Amino acid sequence: MADTHKTGEKAPQSGTYKVQNEDTEIQIQKGGQFPPSPSSGEAANYVKA
């Protein structure tokens, strides 16, 4: 199972991350903070795309 990262956590590495259970992807730099889901504005879980 892939590592899951929650809204507010810091990204362990730069890259593209996908919101679980959505088709939304974000670009984030290492150390950047995961935001709420861009589509819903709610807290989200992210996995490396």
C-alpha atoms as a PDB file:
ATOM      1  CA  MET A   1       0.000   0.000   0.000  1.00  0.00           C
ATOM      2  CA  ALA A   2       1.268   3.461  -0.869  1.00  0.00           C
ATOM      3  CA  ASP A   3       2.128   5.968   1.831  1.00  0.00           C
ATOM      4  CA  THR A   4      -0.778   8.288   2.609  1.00  0.00           C
ATOM      5  CA  HIS A   5      -0.271  11.927   3.562  1.00  0.00           C
ATOM      6  CA  LYS A   6      -2.926  14.117   5.184  1.00  0.00           C
ATOM      7  CA  THR A   7      -3.798  17.784   4.790  1.00  0.00           C
ATOM      8  CA  GLY A   8      -1.341  19.789   6.911  1.00  0.00           C
ATOM      9  CA  GLU A   9       1.518  17.270   6.719  1.00  0.00           C
ATOM     10  CA  LYS A  10       4.794  18.133   4.973  1.00  0.00           C
ATOM     11  CA  ALA A  11       5.626  16.448   1.667  1.00  0.00           C
ATOM     12  CA  PRO A  12       8.476  13.927   2.031  1.00  0.00           C
ATOM     13  CA  GLN A  13       9.537  14.524  -1.575  1.00  0.00           C
ATOM     14  CA  SER A  14       8.687  16.786  -4.496  1.00  0.00           C
ATOM     15  CA  GLY A  15       6.298  15.517  -7.126  1.00  0.00           C
ATOM     16  CA  THR A  16       2.725  14.924  -8.168  1.00  0.00           C
ATOM     17  CA  TYR A  17       0.287  13.715  -5.540  1.00  0.00           C
ATOM     18  CA  LYS A  18      -3.281  12.505  -6.082  1.00  0.00           C
ATOM     19  CA  VAL A  19      -6.204  13.084  -3.734  1.00  0.00           C
ATOM     20  CA  GLN A  20      -7.524   9.670  -2.691  1.00  0.00           C
ATOM     21  CA  ASN A  21     -11.005   8.889  -4.065  1.00  0.00           C
ATOM     22  CA  GLU A  22     -10.860  11.880  -6.462  1.00  0.00           C
ATOM     23  CA  ASP A  23      -9.314  12.576  -9.871  1.00  0.00           C
ATOM     24  CA  THR A  24      -7.542  15.666  -8.502  1.00  0.00           C
ATOM     25  CA  GLU A  25      -3.744  15.945  -8.598  1.00  0.00           C
ATOM     26  CA  ILE A  26      -1.413  18.603  -7.206  1.00  0.00           C
ATOM     27  CA  GLN A  27       2.257  19.476  -7.660  1.00  0.00           C
ATOM     28  CA  ILE A  28       4.110  19.988  -4.377  1.00  0.00           C
ATOM     29  CA  GLN A  29       7.712  20.650  -3.403  1.00  0.00           C
ATOM     30  CA  LYS A  30       9.553  18.657  -0.731  1.00  0.00           C
ATOM     31  CA  GLY A  31       8.683  20.164   2.656  1.00  0.00           C
ATOM     32  CA  GLY A  32       5.561  21.869   1.301  1.00  0.00           C
ATOM     33  CA  GLN A  33       2.384  21.478   3.288  1.00  0.00           C
ATOM     34  CA  PHE A  34      -0.409  19.381   1.811  1.00  0.00           C
ATOM     35  CA  PRO A  35      -3.469  21.602   1.286  1.00  0.00           C
ATOM     36  CA  PRO A  36      -7.163  20.808   1.579  1.00  0.00           C
ATOM     37  CA  SER A  37      -8.580  19.162  -1.534  1.00  0.00           C
ATOM     38  CA  PRO A  38      -8.580  21.709  -4.384  1.00  0.00           C
ATOM     39  CA  SER A  39     -11.951  20.406  -5.609  1.00  0.00           C
ATOM     40  CA  SER A  40     -13.885  20.147  -2.333  1.00  0.00           C
ATOM     41  CA  GLY A  41     -11.963  22.409   0.058  1.00  0.00           C
ATOM     42  CA  GLU A  42     -12.134  19.644   2.676  1.00  0.00           C
ATOM     43  CA  ALA A  43      -9.278  17.839   4.434  1.00  0.00           C
ATOM     44  CA  ALA A  44      -7.854  15.153   2.166  1.00  0.00           C
ATOM     45  CA  ASN A  45      -5.488  12.211   1.975  1.00  0.00           C
ATOM     46  CA  TYR A  46      -2.825  12.243  -0.731  1.00  0.00           C
ATOM     47  CA  VAL A  47      -0.782   9.497  -2.383  1.00  0.00           C
ATOM     48  CA  LYS A  48       2.181   9.868  -4.751  1.00  0.00           C
ATOM     49  CA  ALA A  49       0.917   9.698  -8.328  1.00  0.00           C
END
